[in-house]
C-alpha atoms as a PDB file:
ATOM      1  CA  UNK A   1      72.683 109.598  98.731  1.00  0.00           C
ATOM      2  CA  UNK A   2      72.405 106.916 101.397  1.00  0.00           C
ATOM      3  CA  UNK A   3      72.677 108.220 104.927  1.00  0.00           C
ATOM      4  CA  UNK A   4      75.245 107.293 107.562  1.00  0.00           C
ATOM      5  CA  UNK A   5      75.899 107.995 111.216  1.00  0.00           C
ATOM      6  CA  UNK A   6      79.334 109.495 111.884  1.00  0.00           C
ATOM      7  CA  UNK A   7      80.877 108.614 115.251  1.00  0.00           C
ATOM      8  CA  UNK A   8      83.388 111.370 116.106  1.00  0.00           C
ATOM      9  CA  UNK A   9      85.931 110.266 118.702  1.00  0.00           C
ATOM     10  CA  UNK A  10      88.089 112.467 120.936  1.00  0.00           C
ATOM     11  CA  UNK A  11      91.190 111.272 119.040  1.00  0.00           C
ATOM     12  CA  UNK A  12      89.777 113.065 115.942  1.00  0.00           C
ATOM     13  CA  UNK A  13      88.924 109.840 114.095  1.00  0.00           C
ATOM     14  CA  UNK A  14      85.477 109.256 112.661  1.00  0.00           C
ATOM     15  CA  UNK A  15      83.794 105.967 111.810  1.00  0.00           C
ATOM     16  CA  UNK A  16      80.786 105.720 109.528  1.00  0.00           C
ATOM     17  CA  UNK A  17      77.862 103.376 110.143  1.00  0.00           C
ATOM     18  CA  UNK A  18      75.101 102.811 107.620  1.00  0.00           C
ATOM     19  CA  UNK A  19      71.784 104.375 108.733  1.00  0.00           C
ATOM     20  CA  UNK A  20      69.281 104.183 105.872  1.00  0.00           C
ATOM     21  CA  UNK A  21      68.880 103.869 102.123  1.00  0.00           C
ATOM     22  CA  UNK A  22      68.178 106.816  99.858  1.00  0.00           C
ATOM     23  CA  UNK A  23      64.874 106.646  97.897  1.00  0.00           C
ATOM     24  CA  UNK A  24      66.454 105.182  94.747  1.00  0.00           C
ATOM     25  CA  UNK A  25      68.493 102.572  96.650  1.00  0.00           C
ATOM     26  CA  UNK A  26      65.627 101.526  98.910  1.00  0.00           C
ATOM     27  CA  UNK A  27      63.780  99.819  96.066  1.00  0.00           C
ATOM     28  CA  UNK A  28      66.661  97.410  95.467  1.00  0.00           C
ATOM     29  CA  UNK A  29      67.939  97.359  99.081  1.00  0.00           C
ATOM     30  CA  UNK A  30      71.475  98.075  97.906  1.00  0.00           C
ATOM     31  CA  UNK A  31      73.521 101.060  99.012  1.00  0.00           C
ATOM     32  CA  UNK A  32      74.047 103.630  96.280  1.00  0.00           C
ATOM     33  CA  UNK A  33      77.767 104.622  96.341  1.00  0.00           C
ATOM     34  CA  UNK A  34      77.221 108.111  97.676  1.00  0.00           C
ATOM     35  CA  UNK A  35      77.349 108.890 101.381  1.00  0.00           C
ATOM     36  CA  UNK A  36      75.639 111.633 103.323  1.00  0.00           C
ATOM     37  CA  UNK A  37      76.234 112.174 107.037  1.00  0.00           C
ATOM     38  CA  UNK A  38      72.779 112.040 108.574  1.00  0.00           C
ATOM     39  CA  UNK A  39      73.827 112.524 112.195  1.00  0.00           C
ATOM     40  CA  UNK A  40      77.183 113.051 113.911  1.00  0.00           C
ATOM     41  CA  UNK A  41      77.477 111.404 117.303  1.00  0.00           C
ATOM     42  CA  UNK A  42      80.232 112.775 119.532  1.00  0.00           C
ATOM     43  CA  UNK A  43      81.919 110.005 121.481  1.00  0.00           C
ATOM     44  CA  UNK A  44      83.476 110.684 124.905  1.00  0.00           C
ATOM     45  CA  UNK A  45      86.572 108.551 124.321  1.00  0.00           C
ATOM     46  CA  UNK A  46      89.198 107.576 121.761  1.00  0.00           C
ATOM     47  CA  UNK A  47      88.534 104.947 119.108  1.00  0.00           C
ATOM     48  CA  UNK A  48      89.563 101.324 119.682  1.00  0.00           C
ATOM     49  CA  UNK A  49      92.493 101.737 117.283  1.00  0.00           C
ATOM     50  CA  UNK A  50      93.981 104.558 119.356  1.00  0.00           C
ATOM     51  CA  UNK A  51      93.204 102.926 122.695  1.00  0.00           C
ATOM     52  CA  UNK A  52      95.204  99.888 121.634  1.00  0.00           C
ATOM     53  CA  UNK A  53      98.184 101.986 120.591  1.00  0.00           C
ATOM     54  CA  UNK A  54      97.766 101.044 116.930  1.00  0.00           C
ATOM     55  CA  UNK A  55      98.540 103.302 114.036  1.00  0.00           C
ATOM     56  CA  UNK A  56      96.113 104.604 111.484  1.00  0.00           C
ATOM     57  CA  UNK A  57      96.917 103.705 107.950  1.00  0.00           C
ATOM     58  CA  UNK A  58      96.211 101.278 105.196  1.00  0.00           C
ATOM     59  CA  UNK A  59      93.149 100.990 103.060  1.00  0.00           C
ATOM     60  CA  UNK A  60      90.485 101.576 105.726  1.00  0.00           C
ATOM     61  CA  UNK A  61      91.368 105.159 106.574  1.00  0.00           C
ATOM     62  CA  UNK A  62      91.525 108.299 104.483  1.00  0.00           C
ATOM     63  CA  UNK A  63      92.100 111.949 105.247  1.00  0.00           C
ATOM     64  CA  UNK A  64      88.925 113.919 104.746  1.00  0.00           C
ATOM     65  CA  UNK A  65      89.883 117.527 104.056  1.00  0.00           C
ATOM     66  CA  UNK A  66      86.424 118.878 104.728  1.00  0.00           C
ATOM     67  CA  UNK A  67      86.392 117.441 108.248  1.00  0.00           C
ATOM     68  CA  UNK A  68      90.131 117.650 108.845  1.00  0.00           C
ATOM     69  CA  UNK A  69      90.064 114.182 110.399  1.00  0.00           C
ATOM     70  CA  UNK A  70      90.712 110.608 109.379  1.00  0.00           C
ATOM     71  CA  UNK A  71      87.619 108.721 108.276  1.00  0.00           C
ATOM     72  CA  UNK A  72      87.110 104.952 108.316  1.00  0.00           C
ATOM     73  CA  UNK A  73      85.949 103.971 104.834  1.00  0.00           C
ATOM     74  CA  UNK A  74      84.778 100.462 105.705  1.00  0.00           C
ATOM     75  CA  UNK A  75      81.723 101.707 107.587  1.00  0.00           C
ATOM     76  CA  UNK A  76      82.260  99.014 110.209  1.00  0.00           C
ATOM     77  CA  UNK A  77      83.775 100.998 113.053  1.00  0.00           C
ATOM     78  CA  UNK A  78      87.348 101.928 113.838  1.00  0.00           C
ATOM     79  CA  UNK A  79      88.914  98.494 113.629  1.00  0.00           C
ATOM     80  CA  UNK A  80      90.676  97.353 110.476  1.00  0.00           C
END
């Protein structure tokens, strides 16, 4: 599983950022499709989406039952 940083915001949203390849994916420099949270970084503020008064929804966000929070599936931050 490739490893990702999870940025946990005070608004309970989490964005994922690619950190490093797993051993099998590193040979071809292509992310494997499986994600593992390597490190969770607690942020001291709300995400940009919530700061702007926007709503969460659409294809970039999903409800992650294990975390109980919405997770950005694009891996590019909180923006759509």
